[in-house]
Amino acid sequence: VQSLTARFRYGLKADGSKGYHGYKWKNK
């Protein structure tokens, strides 16, 4: 329900430091 910009930024930037590793496809 977020802006796609915000959702994708979060999913692409996450590195696991806060528990979430982000999108698994982010290295495509």
PDB file of all heavy atoms in Angstrom:
ATOM      1  N   VAL A   1       0.847  -1.190   0.000  1.00  0.00           N
ATOM      2  CA  VAL A   1       0.000   0.000   0.000  1.00  0.00           C
ATOM      3  C   VAL A   1       0.886   1.245   0.000  1.00  0.00           C
ATOM      4  O   VAL A   1       0.386   2.357  -0.048  1.00  0.00           O
ATOM      5  CB  VAL A   1      -0.978   0.036   1.198  1.00  0.00           C
ATOM      6  CG1 VAL A   1      -1.982  -1.094   1.091  1.00  0.00           C
ATOM      7  CG2 VAL A   1      -0.250   0.005   2.526  1.00  0.00           C
ATOM      8  N   GLN A   2       2.182   1.032   0.046  1.00  0.00           N
ATOM      9  CA  GLN A   2       3.141   2.130  -0.015  1.00  0.00           C
ATOM     10  C   GLN A   2       3.308   2.608  -1.451  1.00  0.00           C
ATOM     11  O   GLN A   2       2.882   1.949  -2.392  1.00  0.00           O
ATOM     12  CB  GLN A   2       4.530   1.656   0.433  1.00  0.00           C
ATOM     13  CG  GLN A   2       4.681   1.233   1.845  1.00  0.00           C
ATOM     14  CD  GLN A   2       6.095   0.756   2.091  1.00  0.00           C
ATOM     15  OE1 GLN A   2       6.483  -0.296   1.605  1.00  0.00           O
ATOM     16  NE2 GLN A   2       6.855   1.527   2.842  1.00  0.00           N
ATOM     17  N   SER A   3       4.005   3.693  -1.582  1.00  0.00           N
ATOM     18  CA  SER A   3       4.504   4.103  -2.884  1.00  0.00           C
ATOM     19  C   SER A   3       5.447   2.998  -3.358  1.00  0.00           C
ATOM     20  O   SER A   3       6.202   2.438  -2.559  1.00  0.00           O
ATOM     21  CB  SER A   3       5.275   5.413  -2.711  1.00  0.00           C
ATOM     22  OG  SER A   3       6.253   5.554  -3.682  1.00  0.00           O
ATOM     23  N   LEU A   4       5.419   2.671  -4.654  1.00  0.00           N
ATOM     24  CA  LEU A   4       6.368   1.664  -5.142  1.00  0.00           C
ATOM     25  C   LEU A   4       7.802   2.132  -4.977  1.00  0.00           C
ATOM     26  O   LEU A   4       8.690   1.321  -4.759  1.00  0.00           O
ATOM     27  CB  LEU A   4       6.102   1.324  -6.615  1.00  0.00           C
ATOM     28  CG  LEU A   4       5.116   0.216  -6.900  1.00  0.00           C
ATOM     29  CD1 LEU A   4       5.155  -0.189  -8.360  1.00  0.00           C
ATOM     30  CD2 LEU A   4       5.281  -0.992  -6.025  1.00  0.00           C
ATOM     31  N   THR A   5       8.032   3.422  -5.068  1.00  0.00           N
ATOM     32  CA  THR A   5       9.381   3.945  -4.863  1.00  0.00           C
ATOM     33  C   THR A   5       9.878   3.573  -3.473  1.00  0.00           C
ATOM     34  O   THR A   5      10.985   3.042  -3.320  1.00  0.00           O
ATOM     35  CB  THR A   5       9.402   5.479  -5.036  1.00  0.00           C
ATOM     36  OG1 THR A   5       8.887   5.812  -6.318  1.00  0.00           O
ATOM     37  CG2 THR A   5      10.801   6.037  -4.878  1.00  0.00           C
ATOM     38  N   ALA A   6       9.069   3.816  -2.452  1.00  0.00           N
ATOM     39  CA  ALA A   6       9.453   3.496  -1.078  1.00  0.00           C
ATOM     40  C   ALA A   6       9.596   1.993  -0.882  1.00  0.00           C
ATOM     41  O   ALA A   6      10.564   1.522  -0.272  1.00  0.00           O
ATOM     42  CB  ALA A   6       8.434   4.068  -0.098  1.00  0.00           C
ATOM     43  N   ARG A   7       8.647   1.231  -1.414  1.00  0.00           N
ATOM     44  CA  ARG A   7       8.688  -0.232  -1.233  1.00  0.00           C
ATOM     45  C   ARG A   7       9.925  -0.836  -1.888  1.00  0.00           C
ATOM     46  O   ARG A   7      10.606  -1.666  -1.300  1.00  0.00           O
ATOM     47  CB  ARG A   7       7.416  -0.870  -1.806  1.00  0.00           C
ATOM     48  CG  ARG A   7       7.401  -2.381  -1.664  1.00  0.00           C
ATOM     49  CD  ARG A   7       7.367  -2.792  -0.197  1.00  0.00           C
ATOM     50  NE  ARG A   7       7.632  -4.200  -0.013  1.00  0.00           N
ATOM     51  CZ  ARG A   7       8.798  -4.700   0.385  1.00  0.00           C
ATOM     52  NH1 ARG A   7       9.827  -3.933   0.639  1.00  0.00           N
ATOM     53  NH2 ARG A   7       8.943  -5.992   0.552  1.00  0.00           N
ATOM     54  N   PHE A   8      10.233  -0.414  -3.103  1.00  0.00           N
ATOM     55  CA  PHE A   8      11.382  -0.967  -3.803  1.00  0.00           C
ATOM     56  C   PHE A   8      12.689  -0.510  -3.166  1.00  0.00           C
ATOM     57  O   PHE A   8      13.639  -1.280  -3.076  1.00  0.00           O
ATOM     58  CB  PHE A   8      11.329  -0.624  -5.289  1.00  0.00           C
ATOM     59  CG  PHE A   8      10.490  -1.598  -6.074  1.00  0.00           C
ATOM     60  CD1 PHE A   8       9.154  -1.775  -5.776  1.00  0.00           C
ATOM     61  CD2 PHE A   8      11.029  -2.352  -7.093  1.00  0.00           C
ATOM     62  CE1 PHE A   8       8.370  -2.675  -6.473  1.00  0.00           C
ATOM     63  CE2 PHE A   8      10.259  -3.263  -7.800  1.00  0.00           C
ATOM     64  CZ  PHE A   8       8.923  -3.428  -7.480  1.00  0.00           C
ATOM     65  N   ARG A   9      12.758   0.736  -2.739  1.00  0.00           N
ATOM     66  CA  ARG A   9      13.973   1.224  -2.073  1.00  0.00           C
ATOM     67  C   ARG A   9      14.264   0.355  -0.858  1.00  0.00           C
ATOM     68  O   ARG A   9      15.390  -0.089  -0.646  1.00  0.00           O
ATOM     69  CB  ARG A   9      13.814   2.688  -1.659  1.00  0.00           C
ATOM     70  CG  ARG A   9      15.071   3.274  -1.032  1.00  0.00           C
ATOM     71  CD  ARG A   9      14.906   4.720  -0.591  1.00  0.00           C
ATOM     72  NE  ARG A   9      14.446   5.573  -1.665  1.00  0.00           N
ATOM     73  CZ  ARG A   9      13.315   6.279  -1.645  1.00  0.00           C
ATOM     74  NH1 ARG A   9      12.526   6.240  -0.590  1.00  0.00           N
ATOM     75  NH2 ARG A   9      12.969   7.036  -2.661  1.00  0.00           N
ATOM     76  N   TYR A  10      13.231   0.108  -0.054  1.00  0.00           N
ATOM     77  CA  TYR A  10      13.378  -0.716   1.144  1.00  0.00           C
ATOM     78  C   TYR A  10      13.815  -2.144   0.781  1.00  0.00           C
ATOM     79  O   TYR A  10      14.750  -2.688   1.367  1.00  0.00           O
ATOM     80  CB  TYR A  10      12.064  -0.721   1.914  1.00  0.00           C
ATOM     81  CG  TYR A  10      12.070  -1.520   3.189  1.00  0.00           C
ATOM     82  CD1 TYR A  10      12.929  -1.199   4.228  1.00  0.00           C
ATOM     83  CD2 TYR A  10      11.200  -2.588   3.358  1.00  0.00           C
ATOM     84  CE1 TYR A  10      12.929  -1.928   5.407  1.00  0.00           C
ATOM     85  CE2 TYR A  10      11.194  -3.323   4.535  1.00  0.00           C
ATOM     86  CZ  TYR A  10      12.060  -2.993   5.550  1.00  0.00           C
ATOM     87  OH  TYR A  10      12.055  -3.718   6.714  1.00  0.00           O
ATOM     88  N   GLY A  11      13.151  -2.738  -0.193  1.00  0.00           N
ATOM     89  CA  GLY A  11      13.460  -4.110  -0.582  1.00  0.00           C
ATOM     90  C   GLY A  11      14.810  -4.275  -1.260  1.00  0.00           C
ATOM     91  O   GLY A  11      15.434  -5.334  -1.175  1.00  0.00           O
ATOM     92  N   LEU A  12      15.274  -3.243  -1.932  1.00  0.00           N
ATOM     93  CA  LEU A  12      16.568  -3.316  -2.617  1.00  0.00           C
ATOM     94  C   LEU A  12      17.730  -2.965  -1.697  1.00  0.00           C
ATOM     95  O   LEU A  12      18.836  -3.490  -1.859  1.00  0.00           O
ATOM     96  CB  LEU A  12      16.578  -2.395  -3.847  1.00  0.00           C
ATOM     97  CG  LEU A  12      15.636  -2.802  -4.978  1.00  0.00           C
ATOM     98  CD1 LEU A  12      15.563  -1.704  -6.036  1.00  0.00           C
ATOM     99  CD2 LEU A  12      16.075  -4.124  -5.597  1.00  0.00           C
ATOM    100  N   LYS A  13      17.523  -2.093  -0.746  1.00  0.00           N
ATOM    101  CA  LYS A  13      18.601  -1.628   0.146  1.00  0.00           C
ATOM    102  C   LYS A  13      18.824  -2.514   1.367  1.00  0.00           C
ATOM    103  O   LYS A  13      19.919  -2.520   1.926  1.00  0.00           O
ATOM    104  CB  LYS A  13      18.312  -0.203   0.627  1.00  0.00           C
ATOM    105  CG  LYS A  13      18.420   0.832  -0.449  1.00  0.00           C
ATOM    106  CD  LYS A  13      19.853   1.178  -0.659  1.00  0.00           C
ATOM    107  CE  LYS A  13      19.968   2.367  -1.607  1.00  0.00           C
ATOM    108  NZ  LYS A  13      21.325   2.599  -1.983  1.00  0.00           N
ATOM    109  N   ALA A  14      17.790  -3.207   1.812  1.00  0.00           N
ATOM    110  CA  ALA A  14      17.907  -3.994   3.043  1.00  0.00           C
ATOM    111  C   ALA A  14      19.074  -4.960   2.964  1.00  0.00           C
ATOM    112  O   ALA A  14      19.288  -5.612   1.945  1.00  0.00           O
ATOM    113  CB  ALA A  14      16.602  -4.745   3.302  1.00  0.00           C
ATOM    114  N   ASP A  15      19.828  -5.039   4.063  1.00  0.00           N
ATOM    115  CA  ASP A  15      21.030  -5.877   4.072  1.00  0.00           C
ATOM    116  C   ASP A  15      21.044  -6.899   5.203  1.00  0.00           C
ATOM    117  O   ASP A  15      22.055  -7.551   5.456  1.00  0.00           O
ATOM    118  CB  ASP A  15      22.277  -4.998   4.156  1.00  0.00           C
ATOM    119  CG  ASP A  15      22.316  -4.144   5.410  1.00  0.00           C
ATOM    120  OD1 ASP A  15      21.439  -4.322   6.303  1.00  0.00           O
ATOM    121  OD2 ASP A  15      23.217  -3.296   5.519  1.00  0.00           O
ATOM    122  N   GLY A  16      19.949  -7.016   5.924  1.00  0.00           N
ATOM    123  CA  GLY A  16      19.863  -7.978   7.015  1.00  0.00           C
ATOM    124  C   GLY A  16      20.247  -7.413   8.364  1.00  0.00           C
ATOM    125  O   GLY A  16      20.049  -8.060   9.387  1.00  0.00           O
ATOM    126  N   SER A  17      20.795  -6.222   8.395  1.00  0.00           N
ATOM    127  CA  SER A  17      21.239  -5.651   9.671  1.00  0.00           C
ATOM    128  C   SER A  17      20.077  -5.417  10.641  1.00  0.00           C
ATOM    129  O   SER A  17      20.293  -5.375  11.847  1.00  0.00           O
ATOM    130  CB  SER A  17      22.013  -4.356   9.446  1.00  0.00           C
ATOM    131  OG  SER A  17      21.199  -3.373   8.840  1.00  0.00           O
ATOM    132  N   LYS A  18      18.873  -5.268  10.129  1.00  0.00           N
ATOM    133  CA  LYS A  18      17.697  -5.095  10.986  1.00  0.00           C
ATOM    134  C   LYS A  18      16.746  -6.282  10.858  1.00  0.00           C
ATOM    135  O   LYS A  18      15.563  -6.175  11.129  1.00  0.00           O
ATOM    136  CB  LYS A  18      16.979  -3.791  10.631  1.00  0.00           C
ATOM    137  CG  LYS A  18      17.846  -2.587  10.924  1.00  0.00           C
ATOM    138  CD  LYS A  18      17.138  -1.298  10.617  1.00  0.00           C
ATOM    139  CE  LYS A  18      18.084  -0.150  10.919  1.00  0.00           C
ATOM    140  NZ  LYS A  18      17.536   1.136  10.569  1.00  0.00           N
ATOM    141  N   GLY A  19      17.276  -7.407  10.395  1.00  0.00           N
ATOM    142  CA  GLY A  19      16.499  -8.633  10.296  1.00  0.00           C
ATOM    143  C   GLY A  19      15.941  -8.928   8.920  1.00  0.00           C
ATOM    144  O   GLY A  19      15.722 -10.077   8.567  1.00  0.00           O
ATOM    145  N   TYR A  20      15.704  -7.908   8.132  1.00  0.00           N
ATOM    146  CA  TYR A  20      15.147  -8.080   6.786  1.00  0.00           C
ATOM    147  C   TYR A  20      16.276  -7.991   5.754  1.00  0.00           C
ATOM    148  O   TYR A  20      17.038  -7.031   5.757  1.00  0.00           O
ATOM    149  CB  TYR A  20      14.079  -7.006   6.520  1.00  0.00           C
ATOM    150  CG  TYR A  20      13.497  -7.027   5.125  1.00  0.00           C
ATOM    151  CD1 TYR A  20      12.855  -8.158   4.618  1.00  0.00           C
ATOM    152  CD2 TYR A  20      13.578  -5.904   4.312  1.00  0.00           C
ATOM    153  CE1 TYR A  20      12.305  -8.162   3.337  1.00  0.00           C
ATOM    154  CE2 TYR A  20      13.026  -5.890   3.038  1.00  0.00           C
ATOM    155  CZ  TYR A  20      12.399  -7.032   2.555  1.00  0.00           C
ATOM    156  OH  TYR A  20      11.862  -7.027   1.287  1.00  0.00           O
ATOM    157  N   HIS A  21      16.378  -8.990   4.912  1.00  0.00           N
ATOM    158  CA  HIS A  21      17.444  -9.042   3.913  1.00  0.00           C
ATOM    159  C   HIS A  21      17.039  -8.457   2.568  1.00  0.00           C
ATOM    160  O   HIS A  21      17.854  -8.361   1.673  1.00  0.00           O
ATOM    161  CB  HIS A  21      17.931 -10.489   3.732  1.00  0.00           C
ATOM    162  CG  HIS A  21      18.645 -10.996   4.940  1.00  0.00           C
ATOM    163  ND1 HIS A  21      20.005 -10.873   5.101  1.00  0.00           N
ATOM    164  CD2 HIS A  21      18.188 -11.592   6.063  1.00  0.00           C
ATOM    165  CE1 HIS A  21      20.370 -11.384   6.256  1.00  0.00           C
ATOM    166  NE2 HIS A  21      19.278 -11.830   6.867  1.00  0.00           N
ATOM    167  N   GLY A  22      15.789  -8.102   2.439  1.00  0.00           N
ATOM    168  CA  GLY A  22      15.343  -7.486   1.195  1.00  0.00           C
ATOM    169  C   GLY A  22      14.940  -8.506   0.146  1.00  0.00           C
ATOM    170  O   GLY A  22      14.868  -9.710   0.393  1.00  0.00           O
ATOM    171  N   TYR A  23      14.668  -7.981  -1.019  1.00  0.00           N
ATOM    172  CA  TYR A  23      14.255  -8.833  -2.137  1.00  0.00           C
ATOM    173  C   TYR A  23      15.367  -9.799  -2.504  1.00  0.00           C
ATOM    174  O   TYR A  23      16.524  -9.407  -2.656  1.00  0.00           O
ATOM    175  CB  TYR A  23      13.938  -7.986  -3.371  1.00  0.00           C
ATOM    176  CG  TYR A  23      12.709  -7.131  -3.278  1.00  0.00           C
ATOM    177  CD1 TYR A  23      12.782  -5.764  -3.537  1.00  0.00           C
ATOM    178  CD2 TYR A  23      11.467  -7.671  -2.969  1.00  0.00           C
ATOM    179  CE1 TYR A  23      11.652  -4.959  -3.493  1.00  0.00           C
ATOM    180  CE2 TYR A  23      10.340  -6.885  -2.910  1.00  0.00           C
ATOM    181  CZ  TYR A  23      10.435  -5.530  -3.172  1.00  0.00           C
ATOM    182  OH  TYR A  23       9.312  -4.756  -3.122  1.00  0.00           O
ATOM    183  N   LYS A  24      15.022 -11.049  -2.691  1.00  0.00           N
ATOM    184  CA  LYS A  24      16.014 -12.047  -3.086  1.00  0.00           C
ATOM    185  C   LYS A  24      16.394 -11.908  -4.554  1.00  0.00           C
ATOM    186  O   LYS A  24      17.414 -12.430  -4.970  1.00  0.00           O
ATOM    187  CB  LYS A  24      15.504 -13.454  -2.784  1.00  0.00           C
ATOM    188  CG  LYS A  24      15.418 -13.707  -1.300  1.00  0.00           C
ATOM    189  CD  LYS A  24      15.085 -15.154  -1.007  1.00  0.00           C
ATOM    190  CE  LYS A  24      15.097 -15.353   0.487  1.00  0.00           C
ATOM    191  NZ  LYS A  24      15.109 -16.747   0.866  1.00  0.00           N
ATOM    192  N   TRP A  25      15.617 -11.175  -5.309  1.00  0.00           N
ATOM    193  CA  TRP A  25      15.909 -10.974  -6.733  1.00  0.00           C
ATOM    194  C   TRP A  25      16.697  -9.693  -6.970  1.00  0.00           C
ATOM    195  O   TRP A  25      16.982  -9.323  -8.112  1.00  0.00           O
ATOM    196  CB  TRP A  25      14.616 -10.963  -7.561  1.00  0.00           C
ATOM    197  CG  TRP A  25      13.576 -10.014  -7.069  1.00  0.00           C
ATOM    198  CD1 TRP A  25      12.535 -10.297  -6.225  1.00  0.00           C
ATOM    199  CD2 TRP A  25      13.464  -8.616  -7.359  1.00  0.00           C
ATOM    200  NE1 TRP A  25      11.807  -9.174  -5.979  1.00  0.00           N
ATOM    201  CE2 TRP A  25      12.345  -8.109  -6.668  1.00  0.00           C
ATOM    202  CE3 TRP A  25      14.204  -7.730  -8.158  1.00  0.00           C
ATOM    203  CZ2 TRP A  25      11.953  -6.790  -6.733  1.00  0.00           C
ATOM    204  CZ3 TRP A  25      13.811  -6.407  -8.225  1.00  0.00           C
ATOM    205  CH2 TRP A  25      12.706  -5.950  -7.517  1.00  0.00           C
ATOM    206  N   LYS A  26      17.105  -9.001  -5.930  1.00  0.00           N
ATOM    207  CA  LYS A  26      17.723  -7.680  -6.074  1.00  0.00           C
ATOM    208  C   LYS A  26      19.075  -7.686  -6.777  1.00  0.00           C
ATOM    209  O   LYS A  26      19.553  -6.633  -7.185  1.00  0.00           O
ATOM    210  CB  LYS A  26      17.818  -6.974  -4.726  1.00  0.00           C
ATOM    211  CG  LYS A  26      18.770  -7.596  -3.739  1.00  0.00           C
ATOM    212  CD  LYS A  26      18.682  -6.852  -2.423  1.00  0.00           C
ATOM    213  CE  LYS A  26      19.536  -7.493  -1.359  1.00  0.00           C
ATOM    214  NZ  LYS A  26      19.371  -6.793  -0.088  1.00  0.00           N
ATOM    215  N   ASN A  27      19.678  -8.845  -6.954  1.00  0.00           N
ATOM    216  CA  ASN A  27      20.959  -8.913  -7.666  1.00  0.00           C
ATOM    217  C   ASN A  27      20.803  -9.151  -9.165  1.00  0.00           C
ATOM    218  O   ASN A  27      21.788  -9.266  -9.887  1.00  0.00           O
ATOM    219  CB  ASN A  27      21.849  -9.993  -7.050  1.00  0.00           C
ATOM    220  CG  ASN A  27      22.243  -9.620  -5.633  1.00  0.00           C
ATOM    221  OD1 ASN A  27      22.503  -8.458  -5.331  1.00  0.00           O
ATOM    222  ND2 ASN A  27      22.243 -10.599  -4.750  1.00  0.00           N
ATOM    223  N   LYS A  28      19.575  -9.210  -9.642  1.00  0.00           N
ATOM    224  CA  LYS A  28      19.329  -9.341 -11.078  1.00  0.00           C
ATOM    225  C   LYS A  28      19.716  -8.041 -11.774  1.00  0.00           C
ATOM    226  O   LYS A  28      19.674  -6.974 -11.176  1.00  0.00           O
ATOM    227  CB  LYS A  28      17.857  -9.654 -11.352  1.00  0.00           C
ATOM    228  CG  LYS A  28      17.380 -10.955 -10.762  1.00  0.00           C
ATOM    229  CD  LYS A  28      18.006 -12.117 -11.468  1.00  0.00           C
ATOM    230  CE  LYS A  28      17.502 -13.440 -10.963  1.00  0.00           C
ATOM    231  NZ  LYS A  28      18.136 -14.551 -11.639  1.00  0.00           N
TER     232      LYS A  28
END
